[in-house]
Amino acid sequence: MNWWKRLKRNSLARLGALLLLVFYLVVIAAEFVAPYDPYESQPDGALLPPTQLYWQTASGQFIGPHVYPTTQGPVDLQTGDRKLIVDRSQPAPLRLFVQGPEYRLFKITLPLPTQFSLTDPKFDNVDLTPGIPARLHLFGADGAAKFNLLGTDEQARDQFSRLVYGGRISLSIGLVGIAIAFPLGMLVGGISGYLGGAIDTVLMRLVEVLMTIPSIYLLVALAAVLPPGLSSAQRFLLIILITSFIRWAGLARVIRGEVLSIKEREFVQAARAMGGRSLYIIVRHVLPQTATYVIISATLSIPDFIVAESVLSLIGLGIQQPDPSWGNMLSLATNASILVLQPWLIWPPALLIILTVLAFNLLGDGLRDALDPRSLQR
C-alpha cells in the first residue's frame, strides 16, 4: 500500500480525485440534485439570467433568501431589448430538500443494439435498474417562482438542470470508451508480444495502419454517414462503439513491448514448463504485470473521449437537442450575440469540461508518480 500513501501525499492528485468524485456523485443522483426537468420549458422564461436572490421584501421586512416569479416582458420597439417582469407580490422562499415532481432515483436506461448494422441499426431502450421512486429535490423555491441558478436557455429550460443531466453523457462516455478499447488492446498486445513470429508481424502491421487514421476525421465521417432516424444517444453510442475499436491500437503497441520483456521472466518460464496454455499464461500471468501502465493510461485517456464528445456535439454531429450534453450546450458559443448578451449559457459547460479534463490529468499524473517504481528514487 506504499503507492496509496504516496498518492495521498500528492495534493494535486487529491484535488483531481475530489473533483471527479463530486462530479460523478452529482450526475448519478441527477434527479435529486437538479431542481427541474431538463426538458421542461417555463412560460415566458426564455433566456432569463440567473435568478436574483432577495433577502427583504419591498417594505423592508427580512424573510430570508427568497425569489420572485420572473418572466420576459414585451420587446421595447425603440431599443429592441426585453425587460424582466418581476412579480414582487409572490415571494417564494428557498429551501433545501423540497418536494417536487416524482422521479426514479438511480434508474439507468441504455439504448442497447439489437441489430448491429451501419445501414440499418436497431436499438431498444432497456431499463438496467428500475430506480427508487421519490419526490425530494436537493434545493428549490417553495412557491410559484422558479429558482434558475444559472438562468434559462433559448427554449426556457433550466440551465443548471440541463448541466447536471448532460454530465451523465459527457462523464460516462470516457468510461464506455476505455471499457471497450483497453481490454481489446491488452489482449492483442499480449498475444502479439508473447507469441511473436508471423502473428506478431501481422498484428503489428494492423496496429500501424489503425494508428495512421486521424481520429477526429474518422469521427466526423462516421457521424455523417449514420442513419438519420437514430436518436442522439443511440447515434453517439454507435460512434463510441466503432471508434473504441480503433483506439486500442496505441495501447496494444505499448503492451506488446512490455510483454516482450515480461515473457522471459522466471514465473512465466515456470508456468510454461508446467504445461500452461499460451492464452492462459498471457491472461493469468503476463497481462497483470502491465496493470500499472494500464491504470495510468486509462486515467489519461478518458479526457480524450470527453473532448471528442464535446467536439462532435459542438459541430452538430453528436448529441442533438433536446437531449443535453456539455458539448451541445457549448455549441451556443458559435453565436456571437449569445457570447455578449447571455454569457451564462457559455461559461458553465466550458468550465465543467476544463475542470473534468484537468482533474483526470491531475489524477493520472499522481497515479503515475505513485505507481512508478522509479519515483521512489526521486
Protein backbone atom coordinates (compact mmCIF):
# COMPACT_ATOMS: atom_id res chain seq x y z
CA MET A 1 0.00 0.00 0.00
CA ASN A 2 3.01 2.30 -0.29
CA TRP A 3 1.65 3.61 -3.59
CA TRP A 4 -1.56 4.65 -1.81
CA LYS A 5 0.42 6.61 0.79
CA ARG A 6 2.42 8.33 -1.94
CA LEU A 7 -0.79 9.16 -3.80
CA LYS A 8 -2.37 10.69 -0.70
CA ARG A 9 0.67 12.93 -0.24
CA ASN A 10 0.14 14.38 -3.73
CA SER A 11 -2.16 17.36 -3.13
CA LEU A 12 -2.88 17.92 -6.83
CA ALA A 13 -3.91 14.28 -7.30
CA ARG A 14 -6.19 14.55 -4.26
CA LEU A 15 -7.76 17.67 -5.73
CA GLY A 16 -8.38 15.91 -9.06
CA ALA A 17 -9.87 12.85 -7.34
CA LEU A 18 -12.13 15.05 -5.18
CA LEU A 19 -13.43 16.97 -8.19
CA LEU A 20 -14.18 13.75 -10.08
CA LEU A 21 -15.89 12.23 -7.04
CA VAL A 22 -18.16 15.26 -6.69
CA PHE A 23 -18.96 15.35 -10.42
CA TYR A 24 -19.83 11.65 -10.64
CA LEU A 25 -21.93 11.69 -7.47
CA VAL A 26 -23.89 14.69 -8.79
CA VAL A 27 -24.65 13.15 -12.19
CA ILE A 28 -25.52 9.75 -10.68
CA ALA A 29 -28.11 11.46 -8.47
CA ALA A 30 -29.12 13.96 -11.18
CA GLU A 31 -32.87 13.62 -10.49
CA PHE A 32 -32.28 14.57 -6.85
CA VAL A 33 -29.74 17.36 -7.46
CA ALA A 34 -31.48 19.03 -10.43
CA PRO A 35 -34.44 21.15 -9.28
CA TYR A 36 -36.39 20.86 -12.56
CA ASP A 37 -36.97 18.63 -15.56
CA PRO A 38 -34.24 19.41 -18.14
CA TYR A 39 -36.81 19.16 -20.97
CA GLU A 40 -39.49 21.35 -19.36
CA SER A 41 -39.95 24.89 -20.65
CA GLN A 42 -41.04 27.72 -18.37
CA PRO A 43 -43.81 30.07 -19.57
CA ASP A 44 -42.29 33.31 -20.87
CA GLY A 45 -38.95 32.25 -19.39
CA ALA A 46 -36.61 32.12 -22.37
CA LEU A 47 -33.08 33.46 -21.88
CA LEU A 48 -33.61 34.56 -18.30
CA PRO A 49 -30.40 35.47 -16.45
CA PRO A 50 -29.53 33.69 -13.19
CA THR A 51 -32.34 34.33 -10.74
CA GLN A 52 -31.65 37.16 -8.35
CA LEU A 53 -31.84 36.39 -4.65
CA TYR A 54 -33.69 38.69 -2.28
CA TRP A 55 -33.44 38.85 1.50
CA GLN A 56 -36.00 41.53 2.26
CA THR A 57 -39.46 42.32 0.94
CA ALA A 58 -40.27 45.57 -0.84
CA SER A 59 -41.36 47.02 2.54
CA GLY A 60 -38.01 46.18 4.12
CA GLN A 61 -39.12 43.12 6.11
CA PHE A 62 -36.43 40.43 6.43
CA ILE A 63 -37.80 36.98 5.50
CA GLY A 64 -34.60 35.17 4.47
CA PRO A 65 -33.44 34.13 0.99
CA HIS A 66 -36.31 34.13 -1.48
CA VAL A 67 -37.10 34.71 -5.17
CA TYR A 68 -40.00 36.13 -7.14
CA PRO A 69 -41.73 34.89 -10.31
CA THR A 70 -39.73 36.37 -13.20
CA THR A 71 -40.69 36.41 -16.88
CA GLN A 72 -39.60 38.13 -20.05
CA GLY A 73 -41.52 41.30 -20.82
CA PRO A 74 -42.53 42.60 -24.26
CA VAL A 75 -39.91 43.85 -26.68
CA ASP A 76 -39.08 47.54 -26.47
CA LEU A 77 -39.74 48.79 -30.03
CA GLN A 78 -37.15 51.56 -29.70
CA THR A 79 -34.21 49.61 -28.28
CA GLY A 80 -35.20 46.05 -29.25
CA ASP A 81 -34.47 44.86 -25.70
CA ARG A 82 -36.66 42.91 -23.32
CA LYS A 83 -37.14 43.93 -19.72
CA LEU A 84 -37.68 41.39 -16.99
CA ILE A 85 -41.04 41.41 -15.21
CA VAL A 86 -40.66 40.56 -11.51
CA ASP A 87 -43.85 39.86 -9.56
CA ARG A 88 -42.95 41.11 -6.06
CA SER A 89 -46.32 40.03 -4.66
CA GLN A 90 -45.45 36.29 -4.58
CA PRO A 91 -42.24 35.69 -2.61
CA ALA A 92 -41.02 32.09 -2.76
CA PRO A 93 -38.51 31.15 -0.03
CA LEU A 94 -35.56 28.97 -0.96
CA ARG A 95 -35.47 25.60 0.74
CA LEU A 96 -33.23 22.57 0.93
CA PHE A 97 -34.87 19.18 0.32
CA VAL A 98 -38.08 20.47 -1.26
CA GLN A 99 -40.88 18.37 -2.72
CA GLY A 100 -41.22 18.35 -6.50
CA PRO A 101 -42.28 16.18 -9.44
CA GLU A 102 -41.92 12.45 -8.88
CA TYR A 103 -38.87 10.71 -10.36
CA ARG A 104 -36.99 7.44 -10.07
CA LEU A 105 -33.58 7.80 -8.47
CA PHE A 106 -30.72 5.63 -9.86
CA LYS A 107 -32.80 4.47 -12.82
CA ILE A 108 -30.47 3.50 -15.65
CA THR A 109 -31.80 3.22 -19.20
CA LEU A 110 -29.50 2.35 -22.10
CA PRO A 111 -30.14 2.07 -25.84
CA LEU A 112 -28.79 -1.44 -26.43
CA PRO A 113 -28.23 -2.67 -30.01
CA THR A 114 -30.47 -5.50 -31.21
CA GLN A 115 -29.18 -5.41 -34.80
CA PHE A 116 -25.68 -4.07 -35.39
CA SER A 117 -25.52 -2.67 -38.91
CA LEU A 118 -24.24 0.64 -40.20
CA THR A 119 -27.02 0.81 -42.79
CA ASP A 120 -29.93 -0.30 -40.58
CA PRO A 121 -29.00 -0.39 -36.87
CA LYS A 122 -31.70 -1.27 -34.35
CA PHE A 123 -31.73 -0.16 -30.72
CA ASP A 124 -34.09 -0.83 -27.84
CA ASN A 125 -34.19 1.22 -24.65
CA VAL A 126 -33.60 -1.20 -21.78
CA ASP A 127 -34.02 -0.31 -18.09
CA LEU A 128 -30.98 -1.78 -16.36
CA THR A 129 -32.30 -0.71 -12.94
CA PRO A 130 -35.91 0.20 -12.04
CA GLY A 131 -34.89 3.09 -9.79
CA ILE A 132 -36.26 4.29 -6.45
CA PRO A 133 -39.47 6.40 -6.60
CA ALA A 134 -39.01 9.77 -4.87
CA ARG A 135 -40.19 13.39 -4.93
CA LEU A 136 -37.43 15.10 -2.93
CA HIS A 137 -35.05 17.55 -4.61
CA LEU A 138 -31.84 18.97 -3.15
CA PHE A 139 -32.97 22.60 -3.37
CA GLY A 140 -35.63 24.75 -4.93
CA ALA A 141 -38.14 27.54 -4.43
CA ASP A 142 -41.13 26.78 -2.24
CA GLY A 143 -43.81 28.65 -4.14
CA ALA A 144 -44.87 29.84 -7.57
CA ALA A 145 -41.43 31.18 -8.54
CA LYS A 146 -38.65 29.24 -10.25
CA PHE A 147 -35.08 29.38 -8.98
CA ASN A 148 -32.87 29.23 -12.07
CA LEU A 149 -29.41 29.08 -10.57
CA LEU A 150 -27.69 29.52 -13.95
CA GLY A 151 -30.57 31.10 -15.86
CA THR A 152 -32.53 29.56 -18.73
CA ASP A 153 -31.71 28.80 -22.36
CA GLU A 154 -33.49 29.89 -25.55
CA GLN A 155 -36.15 27.19 -25.00
CA ALA A 156 -36.86 28.43 -21.44
CA ARG A 157 -35.29 25.33 -19.86
CA ASP A 158 -33.37 25.49 -16.60
CA GLN A 159 -29.66 25.66 -17.44
CA PHE A 160 -28.42 24.12 -14.19
CA SER A 161 -30.71 21.09 -14.54
CA ARG A 162 -29.52 20.54 -18.11
CA LEU A 163 -25.89 20.75 -17.00
CA VAL A 164 -26.45 18.10 -14.34
CA TYR A 165 -28.26 15.72 -16.70
CA GLY A 166 -25.85 16.47 -19.55
CA GLY A 167 -22.94 15.42 -17.35
CA ARG A 168 -24.22 11.85 -17.46
CA ILE A 169 -23.35 11.58 -21.14
CA SER A 170 -20.17 13.65 -21.04
CA LEU A 171 -18.72 11.86 -17.99
CA SER A 172 -19.80 8.33 -18.88
CA ILE A 173 -18.61 8.43 -22.47
CA GLY A 174 -14.95 8.03 -21.46
CA LEU A 175 -15.73 5.07 -19.20
CA VAL A 176 -17.59 3.33 -22.03
CA GLY A 177 -14.74 4.02 -24.42
CA ILE A 178 -11.95 2.58 -22.28
CA ALA A 179 -14.14 -0.37 -21.23
CA ILE A 180 -14.19 -1.40 -24.91
CA ALA A 181 -10.79 -0.24 -26.17
CA PHE A 182 -8.50 -1.27 -23.31
CA PRO A 183 -9.37 -4.98 -22.94
CA LEU A 184 -9.04 -5.36 -26.71
CA GLY A 185 -5.72 -3.52 -26.79
CA MET A 186 -4.32 -5.53 -23.87
CA LEU A 187 -5.34 -8.86 -25.40
CA VAL A 188 -3.98 -8.10 -28.88
CA GLY A 189 -0.75 -6.64 -27.49
CA GLY A 190 -0.29 -9.58 -25.13
CA ILE A 191 -0.80 -12.18 -27.85
CA SER A 192 1.49 -10.33 -30.26
CA GLY A 193 4.33 -9.93 -27.78
CA TYR A 194 4.10 -13.43 -26.29
CA LEU A 195 3.72 -15.48 -29.46
CA GLY A 196 5.95 -13.39 -31.74
CA GLY A 197 6.79 -14.58 -35.23
CA ALA A 198 4.29 -14.21 -38.05
CA ILE A 199 1.40 -13.48 -35.67
CA ASP A 200 3.34 -10.57 -34.17
CA THR A 201 4.17 -9.21 -37.64
CA VAL A 202 0.57 -9.33 -38.88
CA LEU A 203 -0.92 -7.83 -35.73
CA MET A 204 1.62 -5.01 -35.54
CA ARG A 205 1.12 -4.07 -39.19
CA LEU A 206 -2.64 -3.87 -38.50
CA VAL A 207 -1.92 -1.69 -35.47
CA GLU A 208 0.26 0.65 -37.52
CA VAL A 209 -2.47 1.04 -40.14
CA LEU A 210 -5.05 1.91 -37.49
CA MET A 211 -2.71 4.41 -35.83
CA THR A 212 -2.37 6.35 -39.09
CA ILE A 213 -6.11 7.10 -39.20
CA PRO A 214 -6.82 10.63 -37.86
CA SER A 215 -9.42 10.04 -35.15
CA ILE A 216 -11.24 13.37 -35.41
CA TYR A 217 -11.80 12.98 -39.17
CA LEU A 218 -12.98 9.43 -38.63
CA LEU A 219 -15.46 10.62 -36.01
CA VAL A 220 -16.84 13.27 -38.36
CA ALA A 221 -17.10 10.79 -41.24
CA LEU A 222 -18.88 8.18 -39.12
CA ALA A 223 -21.28 10.75 -37.69
CA ALA A 224 -22.16 11.94 -41.20
CA VAL A 225 -22.97 8.50 -42.65
CA LEU A 226 -25.09 7.16 -39.78
CA PRO A 227 -28.83 6.84 -40.48
CA PRO A 228 -30.87 9.97 -39.60
CA GLY A 229 -33.56 8.00 -37.74
CA LEU A 230 -31.36 7.37 -34.69
CA SER A 231 -31.83 9.35 -31.52
CA SER A 232 -28.85 11.40 -30.37
CA ALA A 233 -27.98 8.95 -27.56
CA GLN A 234 -28.17 5.97 -29.93
CA ARG A 235 -26.19 7.82 -32.57
CA PHE A 236 -23.36 8.71 -30.25
CA LEU A 237 -23.30 5.27 -28.63
CA LEU A 238 -22.77 3.78 -32.08
CA ILE A 239 -19.93 6.21 -32.77
CA ILE A 240 -18.22 5.32 -29.49
CA LEU A 241 -18.59 1.60 -30.16
CA ILE A 242 -16.93 1.99 -33.56
CA THR A 243 -14.13 4.36 -32.58
CA SER A 244 -13.29 2.30 -29.50
CA PHE A 245 -12.26 -0.48 -31.85
CA ILE A 246 -9.78 1.97 -33.40
CA ARG A 247 -8.28 3.49 -30.25
CA TRP A 248 -6.92 0.22 -28.90
CA ALA A 249 -4.05 0.28 -31.39
CA GLY A 250 -1.70 2.56 -29.44
CA LEU A 251 -2.23 0.62 -26.22
CA ALA A 252 -1.63 -2.71 -27.99
CA ARG A 253 1.74 -1.50 -29.28
CA VAL A 254 2.93 -0.47 -25.80
CA ILE A 255 1.62 -3.65 -24.16
CA ARG A 256 3.41 -5.72 -26.78
CA GLY A 257 6.71 -4.05 -25.87
CA GLU A 258 6.22 -4.76 -22.16
CA VAL A 259 5.23 -8.37 -22.80
CA LEU A 260 8.42 -8.97 -24.80
CA SER A 261 10.41 -8.45 -21.59
CA ILE A 262 7.91 -9.99 -19.16
CA LYS A 263 7.67 -13.31 -21.02
CA GLU A 264 11.35 -14.04 -20.28
CA ARG A 265 10.93 -13.81 -16.50
CA GLU A 266 11.17 -16.86 -14.25
CA PHE A 267 7.49 -17.12 -13.26
CA VAL A 268 6.42 -17.15 -16.93
CA GLN A 269 9.02 -19.76 -17.79
CA ALA A 270 7.82 -21.86 -14.83
CA ALA A 271 4.17 -21.64 -15.96
CA ARG A 272 5.22 -22.69 -19.46
CA ALA A 273 7.25 -25.62 -18.11
CA MET A 274 4.22 -26.81 -16.11
CA GLY A 275 2.24 -27.11 -19.35
CA GLY A 276 0.19 -23.91 -19.16
CA ARG A 277 -1.51 -22.92 -22.37
CA SER A 278 -0.36 -19.75 -24.08
CA LEU A 279 -3.65 -17.86 -23.70
CA TYR A 280 -3.88 -18.83 -20.02
CA ILE A 281 -0.32 -17.66 -19.36
CA ILE A 282 -0.96 -14.37 -21.17
CA VAL A 283 -4.18 -13.58 -19.29
CA ARG A 284 -3.22 -15.00 -15.89
CA HIS A 285 0.48 -14.20 -15.57
CA VAL A 286 1.66 -11.74 -18.22
CA LEU A 287 -1.06 -9.08 -18.59
CA PRO A 288 -1.47 -8.46 -14.81
CA GLN A 289 2.16 -7.31 -14.80
CA THR A 290 1.15 -4.43 -17.09
CA ALA A 291 -1.59 -3.21 -14.72
CA THR A 292 0.41 -0.16 -13.61
CA TYR A 293 0.72 1.21 -17.11
CA VAL A 294 -2.88 0.31 -18.00
CA ILE A 295 -4.34 2.13 -14.96
CA ILE A 296 -2.33 5.26 -15.68
CA SER A 297 -3.06 5.17 -19.41
CA ALA A 298 -6.80 4.65 -18.82
CA THR A 299 -6.98 7.64 -16.48
CA LEU A 300 -5.21 9.84 -19.01
CA SER A 301 -7.25 8.54 -21.97
CA ILE A 302 -10.72 9.30 -20.58
CA PRO A 303 -10.35 13.07 -21.31
CA ASP A 304 -9.81 12.23 -24.99
CA PHE A 305 -13.29 10.68 -25.21
CA ILE A 306 -14.83 13.62 -23.31
CA VAL A 307 -13.21 16.12 -25.67
CA ALA A 308 -14.32 14.03 -28.69
CA GLU A 309 -17.94 14.16 -27.46
CA SER A 310 -17.66 17.91 -26.94
CA VAL A 311 -16.20 18.50 -30.41
CA LEU A 312 -18.80 16.37 -32.20
CA SER A 313 -21.70 17.93 -30.31
CA LEU A 314 -20.24 21.39 -30.85
CA ILE A 315 -20.31 20.92 -34.64
CA GLY A 316 -23.74 19.29 -34.54
CA LEU A 317 -22.74 15.66 -35.15
CA GLY A 318 -23.00 14.29 -31.61
CA ILE A 319 -25.78 14.59 -29.04
CA GLN A 320 -28.64 16.54 -30.56
CA GLN A 321 -31.26 18.78 -28.98
CA PRO A 322 -33.33 18.44 -26.88
CA ASP A 323 -31.03 15.90 -25.19
CA PRO A 324 -28.47 17.75 -23.05
CA SER A 325 -24.73 17.26 -23.03
CA TRP A 326 -21.92 19.64 -22.19
CA GLY A 327 -20.81 19.64 -25.81
CA ASN A 328 -24.10 20.63 -27.43
CA MET A 329 -24.73 23.20 -24.68
CA LEU A 330 -21.39 24.73 -25.58
CA SER A 331 -22.41 24.89 -29.25
CA LEU A 332 -24.18 28.17 -28.47
CA ALA A 333 -20.71 29.72 -28.36
CA THR A 334 -20.81 29.85 -32.17
CA ASN A 335 -23.39 32.64 -31.85
CA ALA A 336 -21.60 35.94 -31.17
CA SER A 337 -24.73 37.58 -29.75
CA ILE A 338 -25.07 34.81 -27.14
CA LEU A 339 -21.47 35.39 -26.05
CA VAL A 340 -22.21 39.06 -25.44
CA LEU A 341 -25.82 39.07 -24.22
CA GLN A 342 -26.22 35.69 -22.47
CA PRO A 343 -22.74 34.62 -21.25
CA TRP A 344 -24.33 32.42 -18.55
CA LEU A 345 -25.16 29.93 -21.31
CA ILE A 346 -21.50 29.53 -22.32
CA TRP A 347 -19.16 29.59 -19.35
CA PRO A 348 -20.73 26.81 -17.18
CA PRO A 349 -20.36 23.94 -19.71
CA ALA A 350 -16.96 25.25 -20.83
CA LEU A 351 -15.75 25.45 -17.23
CA LEU A 352 -17.01 21.94 -16.43
CA ILE A 353 -15.26 20.43 -19.46
CA ILE A 354 -11.99 22.17 -18.50
CA LEU A 355 -12.23 21.10 -14.85
CA THR A 356 -13.05 17.48 -15.76
CA VAL A 357 -10.16 17.14 -18.20
CA LEU A 358 -7.82 18.85 -15.73
CA ALA A 359 -8.98 16.60 -12.87
CA PHE A 360 -8.37 13.41 -14.86
CA ASN A 361 -4.90 14.64 -15.87
CA LEU A 362 -4.00 15.55 -12.28
CA LEU A 363 -5.18 12.16 -11.03
CA GLY A 364 -3.35 10.35 -13.84
CA ASP A 365 -0.10 12.19 -13.11
CA GLY A 366 -0.48 11.37 -9.43
CA LEU A 367 -1.06 7.68 -10.16
CA ARG A 368 1.97 7.64 -12.45
CA ASP A 369 4.19 9.09 -9.71
CA ALA A 370 2.75 6.74 -7.07
CA LEU A 371 2.86 3.52 -9.10
CA ASP A 372 6.13 4.09 -10.96
CA PRO A 373 8.94 2.31 -9.06
CA ARG A 374 11.43 4.84 -10.36
CA SER A 375 9.58 7.60 -8.45
CA LEU A 376 10.98 6.15 -5.21
CA GLN A 377 14.44 7.33 -6.24
CA ARG A 378 13.38 10.93 -6.89
